[in-house]
Amino acid sequence: MKTALIFGSSGLIGSCLLDLIVNDNNYNKIRLFVRSESVNTSSKIEIIKTDFNNLENHKDSIAGDVCFFCIGTTRKKTPDKNEYINIEYNLPVEVAKIAKSNSVNNFIYVSSIGANTNASGLYLKNKGQAEEELKKLNFSKLSIMRPSILLGNRKENRVGEKIGIFVMKTLSPLFLGKMKKYKPIKVENVAKTMLHVVRNDYQKTIFESDEIIEISNL
């Protein structure tokens, strides 16, 4: 039986992932690292109220068999540039370093399509930088998800994103060949693939959006 660590369990992908793991008999414990107390819906779940600015205080808890990192933000939600970089770059790297020091051998990171250290936009640049730092930690198994625009019901209202989703869904039939990875993707596809790659031996680290969809349907 395994222990799963989830950072970002209240988000689109994280909440879907949590539902899947709760019903997965391979896991008998799920540690959720959250900013504020939340309702515990399963005897498997251990809720850890976390000070993300002082992760060392929670070092002993960041231990288990697999760590899923699903935390992300937007510039609208986090307008302060330094805070934004802290969430998108510093936080996943720090969590990964602590997990590695506690012999967590399997790390799953939700990045983004187009992540690149040389990207002009801060979002994709931070994602790319985080990916490179995670690779340097030499986990026994590191899996990086690069989903396209996510399809799911967010708690907050993102007008710009809704417009983008509408446009992308309309154009989706045109995304063929190398363009397939730009099709919008359901959060369920991402969550299912994250669990699937944990259970199976894939000789790769990066999973592009079209690959995520294919694997989720296996």
N, C-alpha and C. Protein backbone atom coordinates (compact mmCIF):
# COMPACT_ATOMS: atom_id res chain seq x y z
N MET A 1 0.84 -1.20 0.00
CA MET A 1 0.00 0.00 0.00
C MET A 1 0.88 1.25 0.00
N LYS A 2 0.40 2.28 -0.67
CA LYS A 2 1.24 3.46 -0.88
C LYS A 2 0.66 4.72 -0.23
N THR A 3 1.58 5.67 -0.02
CA THR A 3 1.20 7.00 0.46
C THR A 3 1.41 8.00 -0.65
N ALA A 4 0.36 8.76 -0.96
CA ALA A 4 0.43 9.79 -2.00
C ALA A 4 0.44 11.17 -1.36
N LEU A 5 1.27 12.04 -1.87
CA LEU A 5 1.32 13.44 -1.43
C LEU A 5 0.74 14.29 -2.55
N ILE A 6 -0.20 15.18 -2.20
CA ILE A 6 -0.79 16.04 -3.23
C ILE A 6 -0.68 17.50 -2.83
N PHE A 7 -0.05 18.28 -3.69
CA PHE A 7 0.00 19.73 -3.55
C PHE A 7 -0.90 20.32 -4.64
N GLY A 8 -1.93 21.05 -4.21
CA GLY A 8 -2.87 21.62 -5.18
C GLY A 8 -4.13 20.80 -5.32
N SER A 9 -4.59 20.20 -4.23
CA SER A 9 -5.75 19.30 -4.28
C SER A 9 -7.08 20.02 -4.46
N SER A 10 -7.09 21.35 -4.35
CA SER A 10 -8.35 22.09 -4.51
C SER A 10 -8.51 22.63 -5.93
N GLY A 11 -7.49 22.50 -6.75
CA GLY A 11 -7.54 23.01 -8.12
C GLY A 11 -8.24 22.06 -9.07
N LEU A 12 -8.31 22.46 -10.33
CA LEU A 12 -9.01 21.65 -11.34
C LEU A 12 -8.44 20.23 -11.44
N ILE A 13 -7.15 20.14 -11.67
CA ILE A 13 -6.54 18.82 -11.84
C ILE A 13 -6.41 18.11 -10.50
N GLY A 14 -5.96 18.83 -9.49
CA GLY A 14 -5.73 18.23 -8.18
C GLY A 14 -6.98 17.62 -7.56
N SER A 15 -8.11 18.31 -7.69
CA SER A 15 -9.35 17.79 -7.10
C SER A 15 -9.81 16.53 -7.82
N CYS A 16 -9.63 16.50 -9.12
CA CYS A 16 -9.99 15.31 -9.90
C CYS A 16 -9.06 14.15 -9.55
N LEU A 17 -7.78 14.46 -9.42
CA LEU A 17 -6.79 13.45 -9.04
C LEU A 17 -7.11 12.87 -7.67
N LEU A 18 -7.49 13.73 -6.74
CA LEU A 18 -7.82 13.28 -5.39
C LEU A 18 -8.97 12.28 -5.42
N ASP A 19 -10.01 12.57 -6.18
CA ASP A 19 -11.14 11.65 -6.28
C ASP A 19 -10.71 10.28 -6.79
N LEU A 20 -9.80 10.28 -7.76
CA LEU A 20 -9.32 9.01 -8.32
C LEU A 20 -8.52 8.22 -7.30
N ILE A 21 -7.65 8.90 -6.56
CA ILE A 21 -6.78 8.21 -5.60
C ILE A 21 -7.57 7.69 -4.41
N VAL A 22 -8.58 8.44 -3.98
CA VAL A 22 -9.43 7.98 -2.88
C VAL A 22 -10.04 6.62 -3.21
N ASN A 23 -10.35 6.41 -4.48
CA ASN A 23 -10.98 5.15 -4.90
C ASN A 23 -10.00 4.13 -5.47
N ASP A 24 -8.71 4.42 -5.31
CA ASP A 24 -7.66 3.52 -5.81
C ASP A 24 -7.13 2.68 -4.64
N ASN A 25 -7.29 1.37 -4.74
CA ASN A 25 -6.89 0.48 -3.65
C ASN A 25 -5.38 0.35 -3.48
N ASN A 26 -4.62 0.92 -4.40
CA ASN A 26 -3.16 0.89 -4.26
C ASN A 26 -2.66 1.88 -3.21
N TYR A 27 -3.54 2.81 -2.81
CA TYR A 27 -3.16 3.84 -1.84
C TYR A 27 -3.99 3.71 -0.57
N ASN A 28 -3.30 3.71 0.56
CA ASN A 28 -4.01 3.67 1.84
C ASN A 28 -3.89 4.99 2.61
N LYS A 29 -3.03 5.90 2.11
CA LYS A 29 -2.92 7.21 2.75
C LYS A 29 -2.69 8.29 1.70
N ILE A 30 -3.38 9.41 1.90
CA ILE A 30 -3.24 10.56 1.00
C ILE A 30 -3.01 11.79 1.86
N ARG A 31 -1.87 12.41 1.70
CA ARG A 31 -1.58 13.64 2.44
C ARG A 31 -1.84 14.85 1.56
N LEU A 32 -2.72 15.72 2.03
CA LEU A 32 -3.06 16.93 1.29
C LEU A 32 -2.41 18.12 1.97
N PHE A 33 -1.63 18.87 1.22
CA PHE A 33 -0.95 20.05 1.76
C PHE A 33 -1.75 21.28 1.32
N VAL A 34 -2.41 21.91 2.29
CA VAL A 34 -3.36 22.99 1.98
C VAL A 34 -3.09 24.22 2.85
N ARG A 35 -3.54 25.38 2.35
CA ARG A 35 -3.34 26.63 3.08
C ARG A 35 -4.28 26.75 4.27
N SER A 36 -5.48 26.24 4.13
CA SER A 36 -6.48 26.35 5.20
C SER A 36 -7.18 25.02 5.39
N GLU A 37 -7.76 24.84 6.57
CA GLU A 37 -8.45 23.59 6.89
C GLU A 37 -9.56 23.32 5.89
N SER A 38 -9.73 22.06 5.55
CA SER A 38 -10.82 21.67 4.65
C SER A 38 -11.49 20.41 5.20
N VAL A 39 -12.63 20.09 4.65
CA VAL A 39 -13.40 18.94 5.13
C VAL A 39 -12.74 17.64 4.68
N ASN A 40 -12.55 16.74 5.62
CA ASN A 40 -11.97 15.44 5.31
C ASN A 40 -13.09 14.49 4.90
N THR A 41 -13.02 14.00 3.68
CA THR A 41 -14.10 13.17 3.15
C THR A 41 -13.76 11.68 3.10
N SER A 42 -12.57 11.32 3.55
CA SER A 42 -12.15 9.91 3.48
C SER A 42 -11.19 9.59 4.62
N SER A 43 -11.28 8.37 5.11
CA SER A 43 -10.37 7.94 6.18
C SER A 43 -8.93 7.84 5.68
N LYS A 44 -8.76 7.80 4.36
CA LYS A 44 -7.41 7.76 3.78
C LYS A 44 -6.70 9.10 3.89
N ILE A 45 -7.48 10.16 3.96
CA ILE A 45 -6.92 11.51 3.82
C ILE A 45 -6.38 12.06 5.13
N GLU A 46 -5.19 12.62 5.05
CA GLU A 46 -4.58 13.37 6.15
C GLU A 46 -4.38 14.80 5.65
N ILE A 47 -5.05 15.74 6.30
CA ILE A 47 -4.97 17.14 5.88
C ILE A 47 -3.88 17.85 6.67
N ILE A 48 -2.95 18.45 5.95
CA ILE A 48 -1.83 19.15 6.59
C ILE A 48 -1.93 20.63 6.25
N LYS A 49 -2.31 21.42 7.24
CA LYS A 49 -2.38 22.87 7.05
C LYS A 49 -0.95 23.38 6.90
N THR A 50 -0.66 23.96 5.75
CA THR A 50 0.72 24.21 5.35
C THR A 50 1.06 25.69 5.22
N ASP A 51 2.20 26.06 5.81
CA ASP A 51 2.76 27.39 5.59
C ASP A 51 3.73 27.25 4.42
N PHE A 52 3.28 27.65 3.25
CA PHE A 52 4.09 27.45 2.05
C PHE A 52 5.31 28.36 1.98
N ASN A 53 5.38 29.32 2.88
CA ASN A 53 6.57 30.17 2.96
C ASN A 53 7.62 29.58 3.88
N ASN A 54 7.24 28.53 4.60
CA ASN A 54 8.17 27.86 5.52
C ASN A 54 7.99 26.35 5.41
N LEU A 55 8.29 25.82 4.25
CA LEU A 55 8.06 24.40 4.01
C LEU A 55 8.92 23.48 4.87
N GLU A 56 10.04 23.99 5.33
CA GLU A 56 10.91 23.17 6.18
C GLU A 56 10.18 22.75 7.46
N ASN A 57 9.19 23.55 7.88
CA ASN A 57 8.41 23.20 9.07
C ASN A 57 7.58 21.94 8.84
N HIS A 58 7.38 21.59 7.58
CA HIS A 58 6.56 20.43 7.25
C HIS A 58 7.39 19.31 6.62
N LYS A 59 8.69 19.41 6.79
CA LYS A 59 9.59 18.47 6.12
C LYS A 59 9.25 17.01 6.41
N ASP A 60 8.96 16.70 7.67
CA ASP A 60 8.70 15.31 8.04
C ASP A 60 7.44 14.75 7.39
N SER A 61 6.52 15.66 7.02
CA SER A 61 5.27 15.21 6.41
C SER A 61 5.40 14.99 4.90
N ILE A 62 6.41 15.63 4.29
CA ILE A 62 6.59 15.51 2.84
C ILE A 62 7.38 14.23 2.56
N ALA A 63 6.77 13.13 2.93
CA ALA A 63 7.39 11.81 2.79
C ALA A 63 6.32 10.81 2.38
N GLY A 64 6.66 9.95 1.44
CA GLY A 64 5.70 8.96 0.96
C GLY A 64 6.26 8.27 -0.27
N ASP A 65 5.39 7.69 -1.06
CA ASP A 65 5.81 6.94 -2.24
C ASP A 65 5.81 7.78 -3.51
N VAL A 66 4.85 8.70 -3.60
CA VAL A 66 4.74 9.52 -4.81
C VAL A 66 4.21 10.89 -4.45
N CYS A 67 4.77 11.92 -5.10
CA CYS A 67 4.35 13.30 -4.86
C CYS A 67 3.77 13.87 -6.15
N PHE A 68 2.52 14.36 -6.06
CA PHE A 68 1.86 15.00 -7.19
C PHE A 68 1.83 16.51 -6.94
N PHE A 69 2.43 17.28 -7.84
CA PHE A 69 2.45 18.74 -7.68
C PHE A 69 1.56 19.37 -8.75
N CYS A 70 0.43 19.94 -8.30
CA CYS A 70 -0.57 20.49 -9.22
C CYS A 70 -0.85 21.97 -8.98
N ILE A 71 -0.04 22.62 -8.16
CA ILE A 71 -0.28 24.03 -7.83
C ILE A 71 0.09 24.94 -9.00
N GLY A 72 -0.77 25.92 -9.24
CA GLY A 72 -0.49 26.93 -10.27
C GLY A 72 -1.31 28.17 -9.99
N THR A 73 -0.99 29.26 -10.65
CA THR A 73 -1.72 30.51 -10.45
C THR A 73 -1.77 31.28 -11.77
N THR A 74 -2.31 32.48 -11.72
CA THR A 74 -2.36 33.36 -12.90
C THR A 74 -1.87 34.74 -12.47
N ARG A 75 -1.49 35.57 -13.45
CA ARG A 75 -1.04 36.93 -13.12
C ARG A 75 -2.20 37.75 -12.57
N LYS A 76 -3.42 37.46 -13.02
CA LYS A 76 -4.59 38.18 -12.49
C LYS A 76 -4.80 37.86 -11.02
N LYS A 77 -4.66 36.60 -10.68
CA LYS A 77 -4.85 36.17 -9.29
C LYS A 77 -3.66 36.55 -8.42
N THR A 78 -2.47 36.59 -9.02
CA THR A 78 -1.24 36.91 -8.29
C THR A 78 -0.49 37.99 -9.06
N PRO A 79 -0.92 39.26 -8.94
CA PRO A 79 -0.30 40.34 -9.73
C PRO A 79 1.13 40.67 -9.34
N ASP A 80 1.50 40.40 -8.08
CA ASP A 80 2.86 40.69 -7.64
C ASP A 80 3.83 39.71 -8.32
N LYS A 81 4.79 40.25 -9.07
CA LYS A 81 5.69 39.42 -9.87
C LYS A 81 6.50 38.46 -9.02
N ASN A 82 7.03 38.93 -7.90
CA ASN A 82 7.86 38.07 -7.05
C ASN A 82 7.05 36.93 -6.45
N GLU A 83 5.83 37.24 -6.03
CA GLU A 83 4.96 36.20 -5.47
C GLU A 83 4.59 35.18 -6.55
N TYR A 84 4.36 35.70 -7.75
CA TYR A 84 4.01 34.83 -8.88
C TYR A 84 5.15 33.86 -9.17
N ILE A 85 6.37 34.38 -9.24
CA ILE A 85 7.54 33.53 -9.50
C ILE A 85 7.72 32.52 -8.37
N ASN A 86 7.43 32.96 -7.15
CA ASN A 86 7.57 32.06 -6.00
C ASN A 86 6.64 30.86 -6.13
N ILE A 87 5.41 31.10 -6.59
CA ILE A 87 4.43 30.02 -6.73
C ILE A 87 4.76 29.13 -7.92
N GLU A 88 5.08 29.75 -9.05
CA GLU A 88 5.26 28.99 -10.29
C GLU A 88 6.64 28.33 -10.43
N TYR A 89 7.63 28.88 -9.74
CA TYR A 89 8.99 28.32 -9.89
C TYR A 89 9.57 27.82 -8.57
N ASN A 90 9.68 28.72 -7.59
CA ASN A 90 10.34 28.36 -6.34
C ASN A 90 9.63 27.23 -5.60
N LEU A 91 8.29 27.32 -5.53
CA LEU A 91 7.53 26.35 -4.74
C LEU A 91 7.67 24.91 -5.24
N PRO A 92 7.46 24.63 -6.52
CA PRO A 92 7.61 23.24 -6.95
C PRO A 92 9.03 22.71 -6.77
N VAL A 93 10.01 23.57 -6.97
CA VAL A 93 11.40 23.14 -6.81
C VAL A 93 11.71 22.83 -5.35
N GLU A 94 11.22 23.69 -4.44
CA GLU A 94 11.48 23.47 -3.02
C GLU A 94 10.78 22.21 -2.53
N VAL A 95 9.54 22.03 -2.94
CA VAL A 95 8.81 20.81 -2.56
C VAL A 95 9.55 19.58 -3.05
N ALA A 96 10.00 19.63 -4.29
CA ALA A 96 10.71 18.49 -4.88
C ALA A 96 12.01 18.18 -4.14
N LYS A 97 12.73 19.21 -3.76
CA LYS A 97 13.99 19.00 -3.03
C LYS A 97 13.75 18.33 -1.69
N ILE A 98 12.72 18.78 -0.98
CA ILE A 98 12.40 18.17 0.32
C ILE A 98 11.94 16.73 0.12
N ALA A 99 11.09 16.52 -0.87
CA ALA A 99 10.60 15.17 -1.15
C ALA A 99 11.77 14.24 -1.48
N LYS A 100 12.68 14.72 -2.29
CA LYS A 100 13.85 13.93 -2.66
C LYS A 100 14.69 13.58 -1.44
N SER A 101 14.87 14.55 -0.55
CA SER A 101 15.66 14.32 0.67
C SER A 101 15.00 13.29 1.58
N ASN A 102 13.69 13.13 1.44
CA ASN A 102 12.94 12.15 2.24
C ASN A 102 12.71 10.84 1.48
N SER A 103 13.48 10.65 0.42
CA SER A 103 13.45 9.41 -0.37
C SER A 103 12.13 9.16 -1.08
N VAL A 104 11.44 10.25 -1.45
CA VAL A 104 10.29 10.11 -2.34
C VAL A 104 10.87 9.90 -3.74
N ASN A 105 10.61 8.77 -4.33
CA ASN A 105 11.27 8.42 -5.59
C ASN A 105 10.49 8.78 -6.85
N ASN A 106 9.22 9.12 -6.67
CA ASN A 106 8.34 9.35 -7.82
C ASN A 106 7.70 10.73 -7.71
N PHE A 107 8.00 11.62 -8.65
CA PHE A 107 7.50 12.99 -8.60
C PHE A 107 6.77 13.30 -9.90
N ILE A 108 5.53 13.78 -9.78
CA ILE A 108 4.70 14.12 -10.94
C ILE A 108 4.43 15.62 -10.90
N TYR A 109 4.80 16.32 -11.94
CA TYR A 109 4.67 17.78 -11.99
C TYR A 109 3.77 18.21 -13.14
N VAL A 110 2.77 19.04 -12.82
CA VAL A 110 1.90 19.60 -13.86
C VAL A 110 2.52 20.89 -14.37
N SER A 111 3.02 20.86 -15.58
CA SER A 111 3.63 22.02 -16.23
C SER A 111 2.61 22.59 -17.21
N SER A 112 3.04 22.93 -18.40
CA SER A 112 2.12 23.49 -19.40
C SER A 112 2.67 23.26 -20.80
N ILE A 113 1.77 23.15 -21.75
CA ILE A 113 2.19 23.12 -23.14
C ILE A 113 2.98 24.39 -23.45
N GLY A 114 4.09 24.24 -24.14
CA GLY A 114 4.90 25.40 -24.50
C GLY A 114 5.90 25.83 -23.45
N ALA A 115 6.01 25.08 -22.35
CA ALA A 115 6.98 25.44 -21.31
C ALA A 115 8.39 25.48 -21.90
N ASN A 116 9.11 26.57 -21.61
CA ASN A 116 10.43 26.74 -22.22
C ASN A 116 11.20 27.79 -21.43
N THR A 117 12.43 27.48 -21.09
CA THR A 117 13.25 28.43 -20.32
C THR A 117 13.50 29.72 -21.08
N ASN A 118 13.38 29.67 -22.40
CA ASN A 118 13.63 30.86 -23.23
C ASN A 118 12.35 31.57 -23.67
N ALA A 119 11.22 31.15 -23.12
CA ALA A 119 9.94 31.77 -23.50
C ALA A 119 9.93 33.24 -23.10
N SER A 120 9.25 34.06 -23.86
CA SER A 120 9.17 35.50 -23.56
C SER A 120 8.19 35.77 -22.43
N GLY A 121 7.14 34.96 -22.34
CA GLY A 121 6.14 35.13 -21.28
C GLY A 121 6.60 34.50 -19.98
N LEU A 122 6.29 35.16 -18.86
CA LEU A 122 6.76 34.70 -17.56
C LEU A 122 6.20 33.33 -17.20
N TYR A 123 4.94 33.07 -17.53
CA TYR A 123 4.30 31.80 -17.18
C TYR A 123 5.05 30.61 -17.78
N LEU A 124 5.23 30.62 -19.09
CA LEU A 124 5.90 29.50 -19.75
C LEU A 124 7.38 29.43 -19.40
N LYS A 125 7.98 30.59 -19.17
CA LYS A 125 9.39 30.62 -18.78
C LYS A 125 9.58 29.98 -17.41
N ASN A 126 8.72 30.36 -16.44
CA ASN A 126 8.80 29.78 -15.10
C ASN A 126 8.58 28.27 -15.13
N LYS A 127 7.60 27.84 -15.92
CA LYS A 127 7.33 26.40 -16.03
C LYS A 127 8.55 25.68 -16.60
N GLY A 128 9.15 26.26 -17.63
CA GLY A 128 10.33 25.66 -18.23
C GLY A 128 11.50 25.60 -17.26
N GLN A 129 11.69 26.67 -16.50
CA GLN A 129 12.78 26.71 -15.51
C GLN A 129 12.56 25.67 -14.42
N ALA A 130 11.31 25.55 -13.97
CA ALA A 130 10.99 24.56 -12.94
C ALA A 130 11.27 23.15 -13.46
N GLU A 131 10.89 22.88 -14.69
CA GLU A 131 11.14 21.57 -15.29
C GLU A 131 12.63 21.22 -15.25
N GLU A 132 13.46 22.18 -15.64
CA GLU A 132 14.90 21.92 -15.70
C GLU A 132 15.48 21.66 -14.31
N GLU A 133 15.01 22.39 -13.31
CA GLU A 133 15.50 22.17 -11.95
C GLU A 133 15.06 20.81 -11.42
N LEU A 134 13.85 20.41 -11.74
CA LEU A 134 13.36 19.10 -11.30
C LEU A 134 14.19 17.98 -11.91
N LYS A 135 14.57 18.13 -13.16
CA LYS A 135 15.39 17.11 -13.83
C LYS A 135 16.73 16.93 -13.13
N LYS A 136 17.28 18.02 -12.61
CA LYS A 136 18.59 17.97 -11.95
C LYS A 136 18.56 17.17 -10.65
N LEU A 137 17.37 16.97 -10.08
CA LEU A 137 17.27 16.28 -8.79
C LEU A 137 17.39 14.76 -8.93
N ASN A 138 17.32 14.27 -10.16
CA ASN A 138 17.52 12.85 -10.43
C ASN A 138 16.60 11.92 -9.63
N PHE A 139 15.32 12.21 -9.68
CA PHE A 139 14.35 11.29 -9.08
C PHE A 139 14.44 9.95 -9.82
N SER A 140 14.11 8.87 -9.12
CA SER A 140 14.06 7.57 -9.79
C SER A 140 13.06 7.64 -10.94
N LYS A 141 11.99 8.41 -10.72
CA LYS A 141 10.98 8.58 -11.76
C LYS A 141 10.40 9.99 -11.67
N LEU A 142 10.59 10.76 -12.73
CA LEU A 142 10.04 12.11 -12.83
C LEU A 142 9.14 12.15 -14.06
N SER A 143 7.89 12.57 -13.86
CA SER A 143 6.95 12.68 -14.97
C SER A 143 6.41 14.11 -15.03
N ILE A 144 6.55 14.74 -16.17
CA ILE A 144 6.12 16.13 -16.36
C ILE A 144 4.97 16.17 -17.35
N MET A 145 3.82 16.65 -16.87
CA MET A 145 2.64 16.77 -17.71
C MET A 145 2.61 18.16 -18.35
N ARG A 146 2.40 18.20 -19.66
CA ARG A 146 2.29 19.48 -20.37
C ARG A 146 0.92 19.61 -21.05
N PRO A 147 -0.13 19.79 -20.27
CA PRO A 147 -1.47 19.89 -20.87
C PRO A 147 -1.68 21.20 -21.62
N SER A 148 -2.57 21.16 -22.60
CA SER A 148 -3.00 22.36 -23.32
C SER A 148 -4.07 23.05 -22.46
N ILE A 149 -4.91 23.88 -23.06
CA ILE A 149 -5.98 24.55 -22.31
C ILE A 149 -6.87 23.51 -21.65
N LEU A 150 -7.13 23.70 -20.35
CA LEU A 150 -7.88 22.73 -19.58
C LEU A 150 -9.39 22.95 -19.68
N LEU A 151 -10.11 21.85 -19.82
CA LEU A 151 -11.56 21.88 -19.83
C LEU A 151 -12.07 21.34 -18.50
N GLY A 152 -12.77 22.19 -17.75
CA GLY A 152 -13.28 21.79 -16.44
C GLY A 152 -14.00 22.97 -15.81
N ASN A 153 -14.65 22.72 -14.69
CA ASN A 153 -15.42 23.77 -14.02
C ASN A 153 -14.60 24.41 -12.90
N ARG A 154 -14.09 25.60 -13.17
CA ARG A 154 -13.32 26.33 -12.17
C ARG A 154 -14.25 27.03 -11.18
N LYS A 155 -13.74 27.21 -9.95
CA LYS A 155 -14.51 27.93 -8.94
C LYS A 155 -14.53 29.42 -9.24
N GLU A 156 -13.40 29.95 -9.72
CA GLU A 156 -13.34 31.37 -10.04
C GLU A 156 -13.71 31.61 -11.49
N ASN A 157 -14.15 32.82 -11.78
CA ASN A 157 -14.59 33.17 -13.13
C ASN A 157 -13.43 33.78 -13.91
N ARG A 158 -12.99 33.11 -14.97
CA ARG A 158 -11.90 33.61 -15.81
C ARG A 158 -12.47 33.87 -17.20
N VAL A 159 -12.90 35.11 -17.43
CA VAL A 159 -13.56 35.45 -18.68
C VAL A 159 -12.65 35.22 -19.88
N GLY A 160 -11.41 35.70 -19.79
CA GLY A 160 -10.46 35.55 -20.89
C GLY A 160 -10.22 34.10 -21.23
N GLU A 161 -10.10 33.27 -20.19
CA GLU A 161 -9.86 31.85 -20.41
C GLU A 161 -11.07 31.19 -21.07
N LYS A 162 -12.27 31.60 -20.65
CA LYS A 162 -13.49 31.03 -21.24
C LYS A 162 -13.56 31.34 -22.74
N ILE A 163 -13.18 32.57 -23.09
CA ILE A 163 -13.17 32.95 -24.51
C ILE A 163 -12.15 32.09 -25.27
N GLY A 164 -10.98 31.93 -24.65
CA GLY A 164 -9.93 31.12 -25.26
C GLY A 164 -10.37 29.68 -25.46
N ILE A 165 -11.07 29.12 -24.47
CA ILE A 165 -11.55 27.75 -24.56
C ILE A 165 -12.56 27.61 -25.70
N PHE A 166 -13.46 28.60 -25.79
CA PHE A 166 -14.47 28.57 -26.86
C PHE A 166 -13.81 28.56 -28.24
N VAL A 167 -12.82 29.44 -28.39
CA VAL A 167 -12.12 29.54 -29.67
C VAL A 167 -11.38 28.24 -29.98
N MET A 168 -10.68 27.71 -28.97
CA MET A 168 -9.88 26.50 -29.17
C MET A 168 -10.77 25.29 -29.46
N LYS A 169 -11.91 25.19 -28.77
CA LYS A 169 -12.82 24.07 -29.02
C LYS A 169 -13.40 24.16 -30.43
N THR A 170 -13.66 25.39 -30.88
CA THR A 170 -14.20 25.59 -32.22
C THR A 170 -13.19 25.16 -33.28
N LEU A 171 -11.92 25.48 -33.01
CA LEU A 171 -10.86 25.17 -33.98
C LEU A 171 -10.29 23.76 -33.80
N SER A 172 -10.70 23.08 -32.74
CA SER A 172 -10.13 21.78 -32.39
C SER A 172 -10.07 20.78 -33.54
N PRO A 173 -11.11 20.67 -34.39
CA PRO A 173 -11.05 19.71 -35.50
C PRO A 173 -9.92 19.98 -36.49
N LEU A 174 -9.39 21.20 -36.46
CA LEU A 174 -8.32 21.57 -37.39
C LEU A 174 -6.94 21.19 -36.87
N PHE A 175 -6.87 20.81 -35.58
CA PHE A 175 -5.58 20.48 -34.98
C PHE A 175 -5.21 19.04 -35.32
N LEU A 176 -4.44 18.88 -36.39
CA LEU A 176 -4.04 17.57 -36.86
C LEU A 176 -2.52 17.45 -36.87
N GLY A 177 -2.03 16.21 -36.91
CA GLY A 177 -0.58 16.00 -36.97
C GLY A 177 0.13 16.61 -35.77
N LYS A 178 1.14 17.42 -36.04
CA LYS A 178 1.92 18.03 -34.96
C LYS A 178 1.10 19.04 -34.15
N MET A 179 -0.04 19.46 -34.69
CA MET A 179 -0.88 20.44 -34.00
C MET A 179 -1.82 19.78 -32.99
N LYS A 180 -1.86 18.45 -32.96
CA LYS A 180 -2.81 17.75 -32.08
C LYS A 180 -2.64 18.13 -30.62
N LYS A 181 -1.41 18.40 -30.23
CA LYS A 181 -1.16 18.67 -28.82
C LYS A 181 -1.77 19.98 -28.34
N TYR A 182 -2.23 20.82 -29.27
CA TYR A 182 -2.82 22.10 -28.89
C TYR A 182 -4.32 22.01 -28.63
N LYS A 183 -4.91 20.85 -28.87
CA LYS A 183 -6.34 20.69 -28.60
C LYS A 183 -6.60 20.86 -27.10
N PRO A 184 -7.74 21.48 -26.73
CA PRO A 184 -8.10 21.56 -25.31
C PRO A 184 -8.20 20.15 -24.73
N ILE A 185 -7.92 20.04 -23.44
CA ILE A 185 -7.88 18.73 -22.80
C ILE A 185 -8.70 18.73 -21.52
N LYS A 186 -9.44 17.67 -21.28
CA LYS A 186 -10.25 17.56 -20.07
C LYS A 186 -9.34 17.29 -18.87
N VAL A 187 -9.69 17.88 -17.73
CA VAL A 187 -8.88 17.67 -16.53
C VAL A 187 -8.85 16.19 -16.15
N GLU A 188 -9.94 15.48 -16.45
CA GLU A 188 -9.99 14.05 -16.14
C GLU A 188 -8.90 13.28 -16.90
N ASN A 189 -8.62 13.70 -18.12
CA ASN A 189 -7.57 13.06 -18.91
C ASN A 189 -6.21 13.22 -18.23
N VAL A 190 -5.95 14.42 -17.73
CA VAL A 190 -4.67 14.69 -17.08
C VAL A 190 -4.53 13.86 -15.81
N ALA A 191 -5.57 13.88 -14.97
CA ALA A 191 -5.53 13.16 -13.70
C ALA A 191 -5.36 11.66 -13.92
N LYS A 192 -6.09 11.10 -14.87
CA LYS A 192 -5.99 9.67 -15.16
C LYS A 192 -4.59 9.29 -15.62
N THR A 193 -4.01 10.12 -16.47
CA THR A 193 -2.67 9.82 -16.98
C THR A 193 -1.62 9.93 -15.88
N MET A 194 -1.79 10.88 -14.98
CA MET A 194 -0.85 11.01 -13.87
C MET A 194 -0.80 9.72 -13.06
N LEU A 195 -1.96 9.15 -12.78
CA LEU A 195 -2.00 7.89 -12.04
C LEU A 195 -1.45 6.74 -12.88
N HIS A 196 -1.75 6.77 -14.16
CA HIS A 196 -1.31 5.69 -15.05
C HIS A 196 0.21 5.63 -15.16
N VAL A 197 0.86 6.78 -15.27
CA VAL A 197 2.32 6.76 -15.42
C VAL A 197 3.01 6.36 -14.13
N VAL A 198 2.33 6.55 -13.00
CA VAL A 198 2.89 6.09 -11.73
C VAL A 198 2.94 4.56 -11.71
N ARG A 199 1.88 3.94 -12.24
CA ARG A 199 1.76 2.48 -12.19
C ARG A 199 2.55 1.76 -13.27
N ASN A 200 2.91 2.47 -14.32
CA ASN A 200 3.55 1.83 -15.46
C ASN A 200 4.93 2.43 -15.76
N ASP A 201 5.73 1.64 -16.46
CA ASP A 201 7.11 2.04 -16.72
C ASP A 201 7.22 2.72 -18.08
N TYR A 202 7.21 4.04 -18.06
CA TYR A 202 7.39 4.81 -19.29
C TYR A 202 8.83 5.33 -19.33
N GLN A 203 9.52 5.08 -20.41
CA GLN A 203 10.91 5.50 -20.54
C GLN A 203 10.98 6.93 -21.08
N LYS A 204 10.31 7.83 -20.41
CA LYS A 204 10.32 9.23 -20.82
C LYS A 204 9.91 10.09 -19.64
N THR A 205 10.17 11.38 -19.76
CA THR A 205 9.86 12.33 -18.68
C THR A 205 8.75 13.28 -19.07
N ILE A 206 8.78 13.78 -20.31
CA ILE A 206 7.82 14.79 -20.77
C ILE A 206 6.64 14.13 -21.47
N PHE A 207 5.44 14.52 -21.06
CA PHE A 207 4.21 14.03 -21.68
C PHE A 207 3.44 15.22 -22.24
N GLU A 208 3.43 15.34 -23.57
CA GLU A 208 2.71 16.43 -24.22
C GLU A 208 1.20 16.15 -24.17
N SER A 209 0.42 17.18 -24.46
CA SER A 209 -1.02 17.10 -24.24
C SER A 209 -1.70 15.99 -25.03
N ASP A 210 -1.32 15.80 -26.28
CA ASP A 210 -1.95 14.74 -27.07
C ASP A 210 -1.59 13.35 -26.54
N GLU A 211 -0.38 13.21 -26.00
CA GLU A 211 0.03 11.94 -25.40
C GLU A 211 -0.76 11.68 -24.12
N ILE A 212 -1.02 12.74 -23.37
CA ILE A 212 -1.79 12.61 -22.13
C ILE A 212 -3.18 12.07 -22.44
N ILE A 213 -3.80 12.59 -23.49
CA ILE A 213 -5.13 12.12 -23.88
C ILE A 213 -5.09 10.65 -24.28
N GLU A 214 -4.10 10.27 -25.07
CA GLU A 214 -3.97 8.89 -25.54
C GLU A 214 -3.80 7.92 -24.36
N ILE A 215 -2.92 8.27 -23.43
CA ILE A 215 -2.65 7.40 -22.29
C ILE A 215 -3.87 7.28 -21.39
N SER A 216 -4.61 8.36 -21.23
CA SER A 216 -5.78 8.34 -20.34
C SER A 216 -6.87 7.41 -20.85
N ASN A 217 -6.82 7.09 -22.14
CA ASN A 217 -7.84 6.23 -22.73
C ASN A 217 -7.43 4.76 -22.79
N LEU A 218 -6.25 4.45 -22.25
CA LEU A 218 -5.78 3.06 -22.25
C LEU A 218 -6.58 2.22 -21.25
